[in-house]
């Protein structure tokens, strides 16, 4: 049940991002739900591989390169999912940053006891 609630809250966050951030567009709830699912899968499967491959750059930048990786993956999902688009790097950067913070807060709230 917690997983479904987190999924819906992430989709709602995507809709809010599309409303407030120029450059991010979501066509509706269905696209937001699919985008949240794909974004979760990309972050679970592709992100660890990219983090491992870019470990020297991440160490040199004291971890700030991770923000760039998050933005690029957010932008990538915008090209893959129909009904979700990201217009460039900076909307992807801010969208990924806000999504990460909201996902972290939701994870704290729905943490297993």
PDB file of N, CA and C in Angstrom:
ATOM      1  N   UNK A   1       0.818  -1.191   0.000  1.00  0.00           N
ATOM      2  CA  UNK A   1       0.000   0.000   0.000  1.00  0.00           C
ATOM      3  C   UNK A   1       0.870   1.267   0.000  1.00  0.00           C
ATOM      4  N   UNK A   2       1.971   1.218   0.752  1.00  0.00           N
ATOM      5  CA  UNK A   2       2.872   2.374   0.803  1.00  0.00           C
ATOM      6  C   UNK A   2       3.461   2.686  -0.566  1.00  0.00           C
ATOM      7  N   UNK A   3       3.766   1.641  -1.305  1.00  0.00           N
ATOM      8  CA  UNK A   3       4.342   1.828  -2.632  1.00  0.00           C
ATOM      9  C   UNK A   3       3.371   2.557  -3.556  1.00  0.00           C
ATOM     10  N   UNK A   4       2.102   2.196  -3.503  1.00  0.00           N
ATOM     11  CA  UNK A   4       1.096   2.862  -4.338  1.00  0.00           C
ATOM     12  C   UNK A   4       0.929   4.323  -3.948  1.00  0.00           C
ATOM     13  N   UNK A   5       0.943   4.594  -2.657  1.00  0.00           N
ATOM     14  CA  UNK A   5       0.808   5.982  -2.193  1.00  0.00           C
ATOM     15  C   UNK A   5       2.009   6.805  -2.646  1.00  0.00           C
ATOM     16  N   UNK A   6       3.207   6.238  -2.524  1.00  0.00           N
ATOM     17  CA  UNK A   6       4.414   6.954  -2.969  1.00  0.00           C
ATOM     18  C   UNK A   6       4.379   7.204  -4.468  1.00  0.00           C
ATOM     19  N   UNK A   7       3.881   6.218  -5.231  1.00  0.00           N
ATOM     20  CA  UNK A   7       3.787   6.346  -6.671  1.00  0.00           C
ATOM     21  C   UNK A   7       2.835   7.481  -7.053  1.00  0.00           C
ATOM     22  N   UNK A   8       1.674   7.529  -6.416  1.00  0.00           N
ATOM     23  CA  UNK A   8       0.690   8.579  -6.707  1.00  0.00           C
ATOM     24  C   UNK A   8       1.221   9.949  -6.275  1.00  0.00           C
ATOM     25  N   UNK A   9       1.893  10.018  -5.134  1.00  0.00           N
ATOM     26  CA  UNK A   9       2.455  11.298  -4.698  1.00  0.00           C
ATOM     27  C   UNK A   9       3.565  11.787  -5.634  1.00  0.00           C
ATOM     28  N   UNK A  10       4.369  10.875  -6.159  1.00  0.00           N
ATOM     29  CA  UNK A  10       5.378  11.275  -7.140  1.00  0.00           C
ATOM     30  C   UNK A  10       4.731  11.757  -8.436  1.00  0.00           C
ATOM     31  N   UNK A  11       3.649  11.117  -8.835  1.00  0.00           N
ATOM     32  CA  UNK A  11       2.929  11.569 -10.028  1.00  0.00           C
ATOM     33  C   UNK A  11       2.315  12.950  -9.790  1.00  0.00           C
ATOM     34  N   UNK A  12       1.781  13.175  -8.605  1.00  0.00           N
ATOM     35  CA  UNK A  12       1.227  14.489  -8.278  1.00  0.00           C
ATOM     36  C   UNK A  12       2.323  15.551  -8.262  1.00  0.00           C
ATOM     37  N   UNK A  13       3.506  15.175  -7.801  1.00  0.00           N
ATOM     38  CA  UNK A  13       4.637  16.102  -7.826  1.00  0.00           C
ATOM     39  C   UNK A  13       5.014  16.457  -9.263  1.00  0.00           C
ATOM     40  N   UNK A  14       4.979  15.473 -10.154  1.00  0.00           N
ATOM     41  CA  UNK A  14       5.261  15.747 -11.560  1.00  0.00           C
ATOM     42  C   UNK A  14       4.237  16.716 -12.154  1.00  0.00           C
ATOM     43  N   UNK A  15       2.972  16.541 -11.798  1.00  0.00           N
ATOM     44  CA  UNK A  15       1.944  17.464 -12.283  1.00  0.00           C
ATOM     45  C   UNK A  15       2.161  18.864 -11.735  1.00  0.00           C
ATOM     46  N   UNK A  16       2.561  18.960 -10.482  1.00  0.00           N
ATOM     47  CA  UNK A  16       2.840  20.270  -9.888  1.00  0.00           C
ATOM     48  C   UNK A  16       4.059  20.914 -10.556  1.00  0.00           C
ATOM     49  N   UNK A  17       5.074  20.111 -10.849  1.00  0.00           N
ATOM     50  CA  UNK A  17       6.253  20.632 -11.552  1.00  0.00           C
ATOM     51  C   UNK A  17       5.868  21.189 -12.912  1.00  0.00           C
ATOM     52  N   UNK A  18       4.997  20.473 -13.608  1.00  0.00           N
ATOM     53  CA  UNK A  18       4.569  20.929 -14.929  1.00  0.00           C
ATOM     54  C   UNK A  18       3.786  22.232 -14.830  1.00  0.00           C
ATOM     55  N   UNK A  19       3.087  22.411 -13.727  1.00  0.00           N
ATOM     56  CA  UNK A  19       2.301  23.631 -13.545  1.00  0.00           C
ATOM     57  C   UNK A  19       3.182  24.818 -13.193  1.00  0.00           C
ATOM     58  N   UNK A  20       4.206  24.608 -12.380  1.00  0.00           N
ATOM     59  CA  UNK A  20       5.009  25.714 -11.863  1.00  0.00           C
ATOM     60  C   UNK A  20       6.314  25.970 -12.619  1.00  0.00           C
ATOM     61  N   UNK A  21       6.917  24.945 -13.216  1.00  0.00           N
ATOM     62  CA  UNK A  21       8.192  25.128 -13.905  1.00  0.00           C
ATOM     63  C   UNK A  21       7.985  25.227 -15.415  1.00  0.00           C
ATOM     64  N   UNK A  22       8.420  26.318 -16.015  1.00  0.00           N
ATOM     65  CA  UNK A  22       8.352  26.373 -17.476  1.00  0.00           C
ATOM     66  C   UNK A  22       9.373  25.409 -18.080  1.00  0.00           C
ATOM     67  N   UNK A  23       8.958  24.729 -19.138  1.00  0.00           N
ATOM     68  CA  UNK A  23       9.850  23.782 -19.793  1.00  0.00           C
ATOM     69  C   UNK A  23       9.535  22.331 -19.495  1.00  0.00           C
ATOM     70  N   UNK A  24       8.661  22.091 -18.519  1.00  0.00           N
ATOM     71  CA  UNK A  24       8.240  20.726 -18.205  1.00  0.00           C
ATOM     72  C   UNK A  24       6.742  20.645 -18.490  1.00  0.00           C
ATOM     73  N   UNK A  25       6.357  19.655 -19.284  1.00  0.00           N
ATOM     74  CA  UNK A  25       4.951  19.487 -19.651  1.00  0.00           C
ATOM     75  C   UNK A  25       4.518  18.046 -19.396  1.00  0.00           C
ATOM     76  N   UNK A  26       3.350  17.912 -18.771  1.00  0.00           N
ATOM     77  CA  UNK A  26       2.738  16.605 -18.537  1.00  0.00           C
ATOM     78  C   UNK A  26       1.311  16.702 -19.054  1.00  0.00           C
ATOM     79  N   UNK A  27       0.905  15.745 -19.875  1.00  0.00           N
ATOM     80  CA  UNK A  27      -0.400  15.845 -20.516  1.00  0.00           C
ATOM     81  C   UNK A  27      -1.564  15.480 -19.593  1.00  0.00           C
ATOM     82  N   UNK A  28      -1.325  14.760 -18.522  1.00  0.00           N
ATOM     83  CA  UNK A  28      -2.415  14.396 -17.614  1.00  0.00           C
ATOM     84  C   UNK A  28      -1.956  13.403 -16.559  1.00  0.00           C
ATOM     85  N   UNK A  29      -2.931  12.912 -15.792  1.00  0.00           N
ATOM     86  CA  UNK A  29      -2.627  11.978 -14.708  1.00  0.00           C
ATOM     87  C   UNK A  29      -2.012  10.685 -15.219  1.00  0.00           C
ATOM     88  N   UNK A  30      -2.551  10.183 -16.314  1.00  0.00           N
ATOM     89  CA  UNK A  30      -2.027   8.924 -16.847  1.00  0.00           C
ATOM     90  C   UNK A  30      -0.550   9.056 -17.220  1.00  0.00           C
ATOM     91  N   UNK A  31      -0.220  10.126 -17.915  1.00  0.00           N
ATOM     92  CA  UNK A  31       1.181  10.358 -18.295  1.00  0.00           C
ATOM     93  C   UNK A  31       2.050  10.565 -17.058  1.00  0.00           C
ATOM     94  N   UNK A  32       1.516  11.230 -16.041  1.00  0.00           N
ATOM     95  CA  UNK A  32       2.280  11.447 -14.808  1.00  0.00           C
ATOM     96  C   UNK A  32       2.537  10.124 -14.086  1.00  0.00           C
ATOM     97  N   UNK A  33       1.547   9.250 -14.047  1.00  0.00           N
ATOM     98  CA  UNK A  33       1.729   7.950 -13.398  1.00  0.00           C
ATOM     99  C   UNK A  33       2.754   7.095 -14.139  1.00  0.00           C
ATOM    100  N   UNK A  34       2.673   7.075 -15.465  1.00  0.00           N
ATOM    101  CA  UNK A  34       3.631   6.312 -16.254  1.00  0.00           C
ATOM    102  C   UNK A  34       5.030   6.903 -16.105  1.00  0.00           C
ATOM    103  N   UNK A  35       5.123   8.240 -16.111  1.00  0.00           N
ATOM    104  CA  UNK A  35       6.422   8.896 -15.952  1.00  0.00           C
ATOM    105  C   UNK A  35       7.031   8.590 -14.591  1.00  0.00           C
ATOM    106  N   UNK A  36       6.219   8.629 -13.531  1.00  0.00           N
ATOM    107  CA  UNK A  36       6.719   8.312 -12.190  1.00  0.00           C
ATOM    108  C   UNK A  36       7.228   6.875 -12.137  1.00  0.00           C
ATOM    109  N   UNK A  37       6.535   5.970 -12.800  1.00  0.00           N
ATOM    110  CA  UNK A  37       6.963   4.576 -12.836  1.00  0.00           C
ATOM    111  C   UNK A  37       8.280   4.420 -13.597  1.00  0.00           C
ATOM    112  N   UNK A  38       8.371   5.019 -14.776  1.00  0.00           N
ATOM    113  CA  UNK A  38       9.589   4.920 -15.578  1.00  0.00           C
ATOM    114  C   UNK A  38      10.755   5.606 -14.880  1.00  0.00           C
ATOM    115  N   UNK A  39      10.486   6.749 -14.259  1.00  0.00           N
ATOM    116  CA  UNK A  39      11.539   7.462 -13.527  1.00  0.00           C
ATOM    117  C   UNK A  39      12.061   6.621 -12.364  1.00  0.00           C
ATOM    118  N   UNK A  40      11.181   5.938 -11.676  1.00  0.00           N
ATOM    119  CA  UNK A  40      11.608   5.041 -10.604  1.00  0.00           C
ATOM    120  C   UNK A  40      12.442   3.880 -11.119  1.00  0.00           C
ATOM    121  N   UNK A  41      12.041   3.305 -12.245  1.00  0.00           N
ATOM    122  CA  UNK A  41      12.807   2.205 -12.828  1.00  0.00           C
ATOM    123  C   UNK A  41      14.178   2.668 -13.317  1.00  0.00           C
ATOM    124  N   UNK A  42      14.220   3.836 -13.943  1.00  0.00           N
ATOM    125  CA  UNK A  42      15.500   4.373 -14.418  1.00  0.00           C
ATOM    126  C   UNK A  42      16.423   4.651 -13.241  1.00  0.00           C
ATOM    127  N   UNK A  43      15.872   5.219 -12.169  1.00  0.00           N
ATOM    128  CA  UNK A  43      16.688   5.510 -10.990  1.00  0.00           C
ATOM    129  C   UNK A  43      17.145   4.240 -10.278  1.00  0.00           C
ATOM    130  N   UNK A  44      16.382   3.176 -10.401  1.00  0.00           N
ATOM    131  CA  UNK A  44      16.757   1.926  -9.737  1.00  0.00           C
ATOM    132  C   UNK A  44      17.734   1.088 -10.561  1.00  0.00           C
ATOM    133  N   UNK A  45      17.658   1.181 -11.895  1.00  0.00           N
ATOM    134  CA  UNK A  45      18.464   0.296 -12.740  1.00  0.00           C
ATOM    135  C   UNK A  45      19.638   1.024 -13.395  1.00  0.00           C
ATOM    136  N   UNK A  46      19.367   2.128 -14.070  1.00  0.00           N
ATOM    137  CA  UNK A  46      20.409   2.796 -14.855  1.00  0.00           C
ATOM    138  C   UNK A  46      21.281   3.708 -13.996  1.00  0.00           C
ATOM    139  N   UNK A  47      20.689   4.410 -13.045  1.00  0.00           N
ATOM    140  CA  UNK A  47      21.424   5.394 -12.243  1.00  0.00           C
ATOM    141  C   UNK A  47      22.621   4.799 -11.495  1.00  0.00           C
ATOM    142  N   UNK A  48      22.497   3.632 -10.836  1.00  0.00           N
ATOM    143  CA  UNK A  48      23.685   3.089 -10.151  1.00  0.00           C
ATOM    144  C   UNK A  48      24.837   2.760 -11.098  1.00  0.00           C
ATOM    145  N   UNK A  49      24.514   2.319 -12.300  1.00  0.00           N
ATOM    146  CA  UNK A  49      25.570   2.011 -13.270  1.00  0.00           C
ATOM    147  C   UNK A  49      26.288   3.287 -13.689  1.00  0.00           C
ATOM    148  N   UNK A  50      25.519   4.336 -13.977  1.00  0.00           N
ATOM    149  CA  UNK A  50      26.120   5.607 -14.384  1.00  0.00           C
ATOM    150  C   UNK A  50      26.925   6.213 -13.227  1.00  0.00           C
ATOM    151  N   UNK A  51      26.410   6.101 -12.010  1.00  0.00           N
ATOM    152  CA  UNK A  51      27.159   6.619 -10.858  1.00  0.00           C
ATOM    153  C   UNK A  51      28.493   5.900 -10.692  1.00  0.00           C
ATOM    154  N   UNK A  52      28.496   4.615 -10.925  1.00  0.00           N
ATOM    155  CA  UNK A  52      29.746   3.860 -10.823  1.00  0.00           C
ATOM    156  C   UNK A  52      30.731   4.254 -11.918  1.00  0.00           C
ATOM    157  N   UNK A  53      30.228   4.444 -13.118  1.00  0.00           N
ATOM    158  CA  UNK A  53      31.101   4.816 -14.235  1.00  0.00           C
ATOM    159  C   UNK A  53      31.661   6.227 -14.104  1.00  0.00           C
ATOM    160  N   UNK A  54      30.919   7.110 -13.460  1.00  0.00           N
ATOM    161  CA  UNK A  54      31.358   8.506 -13.319  1.00  0.00           C
ATOM    162  C   UNK A  54      31.890   8.801 -11.919  1.00  0.00           C
ATOM    163  N   UNK A  55      32.287   7.771 -11.212  1.00  0.00           N
ATOM    164  CA  UNK A  55      32.763   7.948  -9.846  1.00  0.00           C
ATOM    165  C   UNK A  55      33.950   8.907  -9.728  1.00  0.00           C
ATOM    166  N   UNK A  56      34.946   8.862 -10.617  1.00  0.00           N
ATOM    167  CA  UNK A  56      36.058   9.826 -10.481  1.00  0.00           C
ATOM    168  C   UNK A  56      35.607  11.288 -10.611  1.00  0.00           C
ATOM    169  N   UNK A  57      34.714  11.559 -11.556  1.00  0.00           N
ATOM    170  CA  UNK A  57      34.215  12.933 -11.710  1.00  0.00           C
ATOM    171  C   UNK A  57      33.394  13.340 -10.491  1.00  0.00           C
ATOM    172  N   UNK A  58      32.614  12.410  -9.974  1.00  0.00           N
ATOM    173  CA  UNK A  58      31.798  12.700  -8.787  1.00  0.00           C
ATOM    174  C   UNK A  58      32.675  13.010  -7.587  1.00  0.00           C
ATOM    175  N   UNK A  59      33.759  12.279  -7.425  1.00  0.00           N
ATOM    176  CA  UNK A  59      34.684  12.530  -6.313  1.00  0.00           C
ATOM    177  C   UNK A  59      35.366  13.881  -6.487  1.00  0.00           C
ATOM    178  N   UNK A  60      35.789  14.192  -7.709  1.00  0.00           N
ATOM    179  CA  UNK A  60      36.448  15.477  -7.964  1.00  0.00           C
ATOM    180  C   UNK A  60      35.532  16.670  -7.701  1.00  0.00           C
ATOM    181  N   UNK A  61      34.249  16.505  -7.983  1.00  0.00           N
ATOM    182  CA  UNK A  61      33.309  17.613  -7.781  1.00  0.00           C
ATOM    183  C   UNK A  61      32.623  17.541  -6.418  1.00  0.00           C
ATOM    184  N   UNK A  62      33.116  16.681  -5.544  1.00  0.00           N
ATOM    185  CA  UNK A  62      32.570  16.514  -4.199  1.00  0.00           C
ATOM    186  C   UNK A  62      31.088  16.138  -4.202  1.00  0.00           C
ATOM    187  N   UNK A  63      30.688  15.343  -5.185  1.00  0.00           N
ATOM    188  CA  UNK A  63      29.321  14.836  -5.251  1.00  0.00           C
ATOM    189  C   UNK A  63      28.358  15.688  -6.044  1.00  0.00           C
ATOM    190  N   UNK A  64      28.771  16.873  -6.474  1.00  0.00           N
ATOM    191  CA  UNK A  64      27.856  17.750  -7.200  1.00  0.00           C
ATOM    192  C   UNK A  64      27.523  17.230  -8.597  1.00  0.00           C
ATOM    193  N   UNK A  65      28.372  16.384  -9.155  1.00  0.00           N
ATOM    194  CA  UNK A  65      28.089  15.815 -10.474  1.00  0.00           C
ATOM    195  C   UNK A  65      26.869  14.902 -10.428  1.00  0.00           C
ATOM    196  N   UNK A  66      26.510  14.425  -9.257  1.00  0.00           N
ATOM    197  CA  UNK A  66      25.314  13.607  -9.106  1.00  0.00           C
ATOM    198  C   UNK A  66      24.068  14.389  -9.499  1.00  0.00           C
ATOM    199  N   UNK A  67      24.059  15.692  -9.245  1.00  0.00           N
ATOM    200  CA  UNK A  67      22.936  16.528  -9.657  1.00  0.00           C
ATOM    201  C   UNK A  67      22.811  16.573 -11.175  1.00  0.00           C
ATOM    202  N   UNK A  68      23.942  16.594 -11.854  1.00  0.00           N
ATOM    203  CA  UNK A  68      23.938  16.581 -13.317  1.00  0.00           C
ATOM    204  C   UNK A  68      23.414  15.249 -13.833  1.00  0.00           C
ATOM    205  N   UNK A  69      23.825  14.162 -13.206  1.00  0.00           N
ATOM    206  CA  UNK A  69      23.351  12.835 -13.598  1.00  0.00           C
ATOM    207  C   UNK A  69      21.838  12.745 -13.409  1.00  0.00           C
ATOM    208  N   UNK A  70      21.336  13.227 -12.289  1.00  0.00           N
ATOM    209  CA  UNK A  70      19.886  13.218 -12.055  1.00  0.00           C
ATOM    210  C   UNK A  70      19.152  14.017 -13.122  1.00  0.00           C
ATOM    211  N   UNK A  71      19.695  15.170 -13.478  1.00  0.00           N
ATOM    212  CA  UNK A  71      19.057  16.009 -14.495  1.00  0.00           C
ATOM    213  C   UNK A  71      19.040  15.322 -15.851  1.00  0.00           C
ATOM    214  N   UNK A  72      20.142  14.691 -16.219  1.00  0.00           N
ATOM    215  CA  UNK A  72      20.217  14.012 -17.515  1.00  0.00           C
ATOM    216  C   UNK A  72      19.247  12.832 -17.561  1.00  0.00           C
ATOM    217  N   UNK A  73      19.128  12.091 -16.479  1.00  0.00           N
ATOM    218  CA  UNK A  73      18.186  10.970 -16.451  1.00  0.00           C
ATOM    219  C   UNK A  73      16.736  11.465 -16.494  1.00  0.00           C
ATOM    220  N   UNK A  74      16.444  12.575 -15.817  1.00  0.00           N
ATOM    221  CA  UNK A  74      15.111  13.182 -15.862  1.00  0.00           C
ATOM    222  C   UNK A  74      14.800  13.621 -17.292  1.00  0.00           C
ATOM    223  N   UNK A  75      15.773  14.224 -17.938  1.00  0.00           N
ATOM    224  CA  UNK A  75      15.631  14.661 -19.332  1.00  0.00           C
ATOM    225  C   UNK A  75      15.433  13.454 -20.250  1.00  0.00           C
ATOM    226  N   UNK A  76      16.173  12.387 -19.985  1.00  0.00           N
ATOM    227  CA  UNK A  76      16.045  11.156 -20.771  1.00  0.00           C
ATOM    228  C   UNK A  76      14.642  10.582 -20.676  1.00  0.00           C
ATOM    229  N   UNK A  77      14.092  10.549 -19.478  1.00  0.00           N
ATOM    230  CA  UNK A  77      12.732  10.037 -19.301  1.00  0.00           C
ATOM    231  C   UNK A  77      11.741  10.910 -20.072  1.00  0.00           C
ATOM    232  N   UNK A  78      12.026  12.202 -20.156  1.00  0.00           N
ATOM    233  CA  UNK A  78      11.176  13.096 -20.933  1.00  0.00           C
ATOM    234  C   UNK A  78      11.174  12.769 -22.417  1.00  0.00           C
ATOM    235  N   UNK A  79      12.240  12.174 -22.920  1.00  0.00           N
ATOM    236  CA  UNK A  79      12.279  11.787 -24.329  1.00  0.00           C
ATOM    237  C   UNK A  79      11.658  10.416 -24.575  1.00  0.00           C
ATOM    238  N   UNK A  80      11.575   9.596 -23.539  1.00  0.00           N
ATOM    239  CA  UNK A  80      11.090   8.230 -23.691  1.00  0.00           C
ATOM    240  C   UNK A  80       9.574   8.144 -23.498  1.00  0.00           C
ATOM    241  N   UNK A  81       9.038   8.831 -22.517  1.00  0.00           N
ATOM    242  CA  UNK A  81       7.629   8.698 -22.159  1.00  0.00           C
ATOM    243  C   UNK A  81       6.780   9.656 -22.992  1.00  0.00           C
ATOM    244  N   UNK A  82       5.739   9.112 -23.586  1.00  0.00           N
ATOM    245  CA  UNK A  82       4.795   9.914 -24.362  1.00  0.00           C
ATOM    246  C   UNK A  82       3.904  10.707 -23.407  1.00  0.00           C
ATOM    247  N   UNK A  83       3.755  11.989 -23.650  1.00  0.00           N
ATOM    248  CA  UNK A  83       2.930  12.833 -22.790  1.00  0.00           C
ATOM    249  C   UNK A  83       3.710  13.562 -21.719  1.00  0.00           C
ATOM    250  N   UNK A  84       5.017  13.338 -21.653  1.00  0.00           N
ATOM    251  CA  UNK A  84       5.886  14.024 -20.705  1.00  0.00           C
ATOM    252  C   UNK A  84       7.082  14.550 -21.476  1.00  0.00           C
ATOM    253  N   UNK A  85       7.308  15.858 -21.386  1.00  0.00           N
ATOM    254  CA  UNK A  85       8.442  16.432 -22.119  1.00  0.00           C
ATOM    255  C   UNK A  85       9.169  17.445 -21.255  1.00  0.00           C
ATOM    256  N   UNK A  86      10.475  17.494 -21.471  1.00  0.00           N
ATOM    257  CA  UNK A  86      11.348  18.438 -20.775  1.00  0.00           C
ATOM    258  C   UNK A  86      12.078  19.223 -21.853  1.00  0.00           C
ATOM    259  N   UNK A  87      12.040  20.553 -21.762  1.00  0.00           N
ATOM    260  CA  UNK A  87      12.515  21.417 -22.843  1.00  0.00           C
ATOM    261  C   UNK A  87      14.028  21.613 -22.876  1.00  0.00           C
ATOM    262  N   UNK A  88      14.736  21.298 -21.831  1.00  0.00           N
ATOM    263  CA  UNK A  88      16.174  21.519 -21.844  1.00  0.00           C
ATOM    264  C   UNK A  88      16.819  21.059 -20.551  1.00  0.00           C
ATOM    265  N   UNK A  89      18.105  21.406 -20.424  1.00  0.00           N
ATOM    266  CA  UNK A  89      18.850  20.945 -19.255  1.00  0.00           C
ATOM    267  C   UNK A  89      18.375  21.617 -17.970  1.00  0.00           C
ATOM    268  N   UNK A  90      18.201  22.931 -17.977  1.00  0.00           N
ATOM    269  CA  UNK A  90      17.856  23.621 -16.731  1.00  0.00           C
ATOM    270  C   UNK A  90      16.478  23.253 -16.196  1.00  0.00           C
ATOM    271  N   UNK A  91      15.444  23.132 -17.034  1.00  0.00           N
ATOM    272  CA  UNK A  91      14.189  22.599 -16.482  1.00  0.00           C
ATOM    273  C   UNK A  91      14.361  21.180 -15.940  1.00  0.00           C
ATOM    274  N   UNK A  92      15.186  20.367 -16.616  1.00  0.00           N
ATOM    275  CA  UNK A  92      15.452  19.010 -16.122  1.00  0.00           C
ATOM    276  C   UNK A  92      16.193  19.053 -14.799  1.00  0.00           C
ATOM    277  N   UNK A  93      17.149  19.973 -14.669  1.00  0.00           N
ATOM    278  CA  UNK A  93      17.915  20.098 -13.431  1.00  0.00           C
ATOM    279  C   UNK A  93      17.003  20.448 -12.262  1.00  0.00           C
ATOM    280  N   UNK A  94      16.195  21.497 -12.434  1.00  0.00           N
ATOM    281  CA  UNK A  94      15.319  21.918 -11.338  1.00  0.00           C
ATOM    282  C   UNK A  94      14.216  20.891 -11.077  1.00  0.00           C
ATOM    283  N   UNK A  95      13.708  20.280 -12.132  1.00  0.00           N
ATOM    284  CA  UNK A  95      12.688  19.241 -11.950  1.00  0.00           C
ATOM    285  C   UNK A  95      13.231  18.038 -11.208  1.00  0.00           C
ATOM    286  N   UNK A  96      14.429  17.596 -11.571  1.00  0.00           N
ATOM    287  CA  UNK A  96      15.037  16.454 -10.893  1.00  0.00           C
ATOM    288  C   UNK A  96      15.364  16.783  -9.445  1.00  0.00           C
ATOM    289  N   UNK A  97      15.826  18.008  -9.199  1.00  0.00           N
ATOM    290  CA  UNK A  97      16.150  18.416  -7.833  1.00  0.00           C
ATOM    291  C   UNK A  97      14.900  18.433  -6.954  1.00  0.00           C
ATOM    292  N   UNK A  98      13.833  19.010  -7.453  1.00  0.00           N
ATOM    293  CA  UNK A  98      12.585  19.073  -6.683  1.00  0.00           C
ATOM    294  C   UNK A  98      11.992  17.677  -6.504  1.00  0.00           C
ATOM    295  N   UNK A  99      12.035  16.852  -7.559  1.00  0.00           N
ATOM    296  CA  UNK A  99      11.533  15.477  -7.440  1.00  0.00           C
ATOM    297  C   UNK A  99      12.333  14.688  -6.409  1.00  0.00           C
ATOM    298  N   UNK A 100      13.629  14.882  -6.368  1.00  0.00           N
ATOM    299  CA  UNK A 100      14.462  14.176  -5.393  1.00  0.00           C
ATOM    300  C   UNK A 100      14.113  14.579  -3.967  1.00  0.00           C
ATOM    301  N   UNK A 101      13.943  15.865  -3.746  1.00  0.00           N
ATOM    302  CA  UNK A 101      13.616  16.349  -2.396  1.00  0.00           C
ATOM    303  C   UNK A 101      12.237  15.843  -1.965  1.00  0.00           C
ATOM    304  N   UNK A 102      11.263  15.929  -2.858  1.00  0.00           N
ATOM    305  CA  UNK A 102       9.912  15.469  -2.508  1.00  0.00           C
ATOM    306  C   UNK A 102       9.903  13.960  -2.282  1.00  0.00           C
ATOM    307  N   UNK A 103      10.599  13.207  -3.121  1.00  0.00           N
ATOM    308  CA  UNK A 103      10.670  11.754  -2.934  1.00  0.00           C
ATOM    309  C   UNK A 103      11.343  11.393  -1.618  1.00  0.00           C
ATOM    310  N   UNK A 104      12.360  12.152  -1.256  1.00  0.00           N
ATOM    311  CA  UNK A 104      13.038  11.921   0.016  1.00  0.00           C
ATOM    312  C   UNK A 104      12.094  12.177   1.191  1.00  0.00           C
ATOM    313  N   UNK A 105      11.339  13.268   1.135  1.00  0.00           N
ATOM    314  CA  UNK A 105      10.389  13.596   2.203  1.00  0.00           C
ATOM    315  C   UNK A 105       9.284  12.549   2.277  1.00  0.00           C
ATOM    316  N   UNK A 106       8.755  12.136   1.122  1.00  0.00           N
ATOM    317  CA  UNK A 106       7.717  11.101   1.101  1.00  0.00           C
ATOM    318  C   UNK A 106       8.276   9.790   1.659  1.00  0.00           C
ATOM    319  N   UNK A 107       9.521   9.473   1.333  1.00  0.00           N
ATOM    320  CA  UNK A 107      10.154   8.272   1.875  1.00  0.00           C
ATOM    321  C   UNK A 107      10.294   8.323   3.386  1.00  0.00           C
ATOM    322  N   UNK A 108      10.579   9.506   3.921  1.00  0.00           N
ATOM    323  CA  UNK A 108      10.657   9.646   5.383  1.00  0.00           C
ATOM    324  C   UNK A 108       9.298   9.473   6.041  1.00  0.00           C
ATOM    325  N   UNK A 109       8.268  10.020   5.407  1.00  0.00           N
ATOM    326  CA  UNK A 109       6.923   9.939   5.982  1.00  0.00           C
ATOM    327  C   UNK A 109       6.410   8.502   5.958  1.00  0.00           C
ATOM    328  N   UNK A 110       6.642   7.792   4.864  1.00  0.00           N
ATOM    329  CA  UNK A 110       6.128   6.428   4.722  1.00  0.00           C
ATOM    330  C   UNK A 110       7.185   5.372   4.994  1.00  0.00           C
ATOM    331  N   UNK A 111       8.097   5.681   5.869  1.00  0.00           N
ATOM    332  CA  UNK A 111       9.169   4.757   6.234  1.00  0.00           C
ATOM    333  C   UNK A 111       8.604   3.591   7.040  1.00  0.00           C
ATOM    334  N   UNK A 112       9.118   2.383   6.749  1.00  0.00           N
ATOM    335  CA  UNK A 112       8.697   1.221   7.539  1.00  0.00           C
ATOM    336  C   UNK A 112       9.207   1.336   8.951  1.00  0.00           C
ATOM    337  N   UNK A 113       8.394   0.910   9.888  1.00  0.00           N
ATOM    338  CA  UNK A 113       8.775   1.007  11.294  1.00  0.00           C
ATOM    339  C   UNK A 113       9.393  -0.272  11.798  1.00  0.00           C
TER     340      UNK A 113
END
